[in-house]
Amino acid sequence: MIVKVIGWEIYNGAAHVCQVYSFTPPYGVIYYAHSSDDFLNYLSTHFFVGQYD
């Protein structure tokens, strides 16, 4: 089951607001809500800190 998360993601030492579809909390696949649509293809497993919906 995929859990949708909106919150903070730690990336390169900085916190960013992002949208996450997490498979193994608190780690998951990051979809950057603040980026262009073509960048949504970028997948990552950066550490995520946020609230689960």
C-alpha atoms as a PDB file:
ATOM      1  CA  MET A   1       0.000   0.000   0.000  1.00  0.00           C
ATOM      2  CA  ILE A   2       1.325   3.420  -0.964  1.00  0.00           C
ATOM      3  CA  VAL A   3       1.040   6.142   1.668  1.00  0.00           C
ATOM      4  CA  LYS A   4       0.761   9.725   0.455  1.00  0.00           C
ATOM      5  CA  VAL A   5       2.715  12.204   2.569  1.00  0.00           C
ATOM      6  CA  ILE A   6       3.054  15.978   2.458  1.00  0.00           C
ATOM      7  CA  GLY A   7       5.844  17.429   4.555  1.00  0.00           C
ATOM      8  CA  TRP A   8       9.550  18.112   4.832  1.00  0.00           C
ATOM      9  CA  GLU A   9      12.239  16.196   2.991  1.00  0.00           C
ATOM     10  CA  ILE A  10      15.926  16.429   3.896  1.00  0.00           C
ATOM     11  CA  TYR A  11      17.923  16.788   0.685  1.00  0.00           C
ATOM     12  CA  ASN A  12      21.570  17.847   0.479  1.00  0.00           C
ATOM     13  CA  GLY A  13      21.437  19.163   4.024  1.00  0.00           C
ATOM     14  CA  ALA A  14      18.424  21.394   3.359  1.00  0.00           C
ATOM     15  CA  ALA A  15      14.741  20.941   4.085  1.00  0.00           C
ATOM     16  CA  HIS A  16      12.267  21.140   1.231  1.00  0.00           C
ATOM     17  CA  VAL A  17       8.482  20.982   1.093  1.00  0.00           C
ATOM     18  CA  CYS A  18       7.605  17.987  -1.014  1.00  0.00           C
ATOM     19  CA  GLN A  19       5.059  15.322  -1.802  1.00  0.00           C
ATOM     20  CA  VAL A  20       6.055  11.756  -0.994  1.00  0.00           C
ATOM     21  CA  TYR A  21       4.649   8.386  -1.903  1.00  0.00           C
ATOM     22  CA  SER A  22       6.279   6.286   0.786  1.00  0.00           C
ATOM     23  CA  PHE A  23       6.675   2.522   0.610  1.00  0.00           C
ATOM     24  CA  THR A  24       8.673   2.029   3.808  1.00  0.00           C
ATOM     25  CA  PRO A  25       8.173   4.889   6.303  1.00  0.00           C
ATOM     26  CA  PRO A  26       9.982   7.058   7.051  1.00  0.00           C
ATOM     27  CA  TYR A  27      11.830   6.299   3.817  1.00  0.00           C
ATOM     28  CA  GLY A  28      10.151   6.450   0.440  1.00  0.00           C
ATOM     29  CA  VAL A  29      10.073   7.561  -3.142  1.00  0.00           C
ATOM     30  CA  ILE A  30      10.129  11.336  -3.464  1.00  0.00           C
ATOM     31  CA  TYR A  31       7.998  13.270  -5.917  1.00  0.00           C
ATOM     32  CA  TYR A  32       8.957  16.935  -5.780  1.00  0.00           C
ATOM     33  CA  ALA A  33       5.760  19.009  -5.682  1.00  0.00           C
ATOM     34  CA  HIS A  34       7.779  22.200  -6.161  1.00  0.00           C
ATOM     35  CA  SER A  35       9.437  21.030  -9.377  1.00  0.00           C
ATOM     36  CA  SER A  36       8.411  20.836 -13.022  1.00  0.00           C
ATOM     37  CA  ASP A  37       6.319  17.909 -14.246  1.00  0.00           C
ATOM     38  CA  ASP A  38       9.185  16.271 -16.128  1.00  0.00           C
ATOM     39  CA  PHE A  39      11.197  16.148 -12.899  1.00  0.00           C
ATOM     40  CA  LEU A  40       8.474  14.048 -11.291  1.00  0.00           C
ATOM     41  CA  ASN A  41      10.173  11.108 -12.981  1.00  0.00           C
ATOM     42  CA  TYR A  42      13.084  11.547 -10.575  1.00  0.00           C
ATOM     43  CA  LEU A  43      13.018   8.865  -7.912  1.00  0.00           C
ATOM     44  CA  SER A  44      14.951   8.994  -4.674  1.00  0.00           C
ATOM     45  CA  THR A  45      15.197   7.428  -1.228  1.00  0.00           C
ATOM     46  CA  HIS A  46      16.239  10.422   0.849  1.00  0.00           C
ATOM     47  CA  PHE A  47      15.348  10.581   4.519  1.00  0.00           C
ATOM     48  CA  PHE A  48      11.915  12.095   5.056  1.00  0.00           C
ATOM     49  CA  VAL A  49      10.460  13.835   8.104  1.00  0.00           C
ATOM     50  CA  GLY A  50       6.784  14.704   8.054  1.00  0.00           C
ATOM     51  CA  GLN A  51       3.219  13.822   8.909  1.00  0.00           C
ATOM     52  CA  TYR A  52       1.402  10.928   7.312  1.00  0.00           C
ATOM     53  CA  ASP A  53      -2.088  11.552   5.974  1.00  0.00           C
END
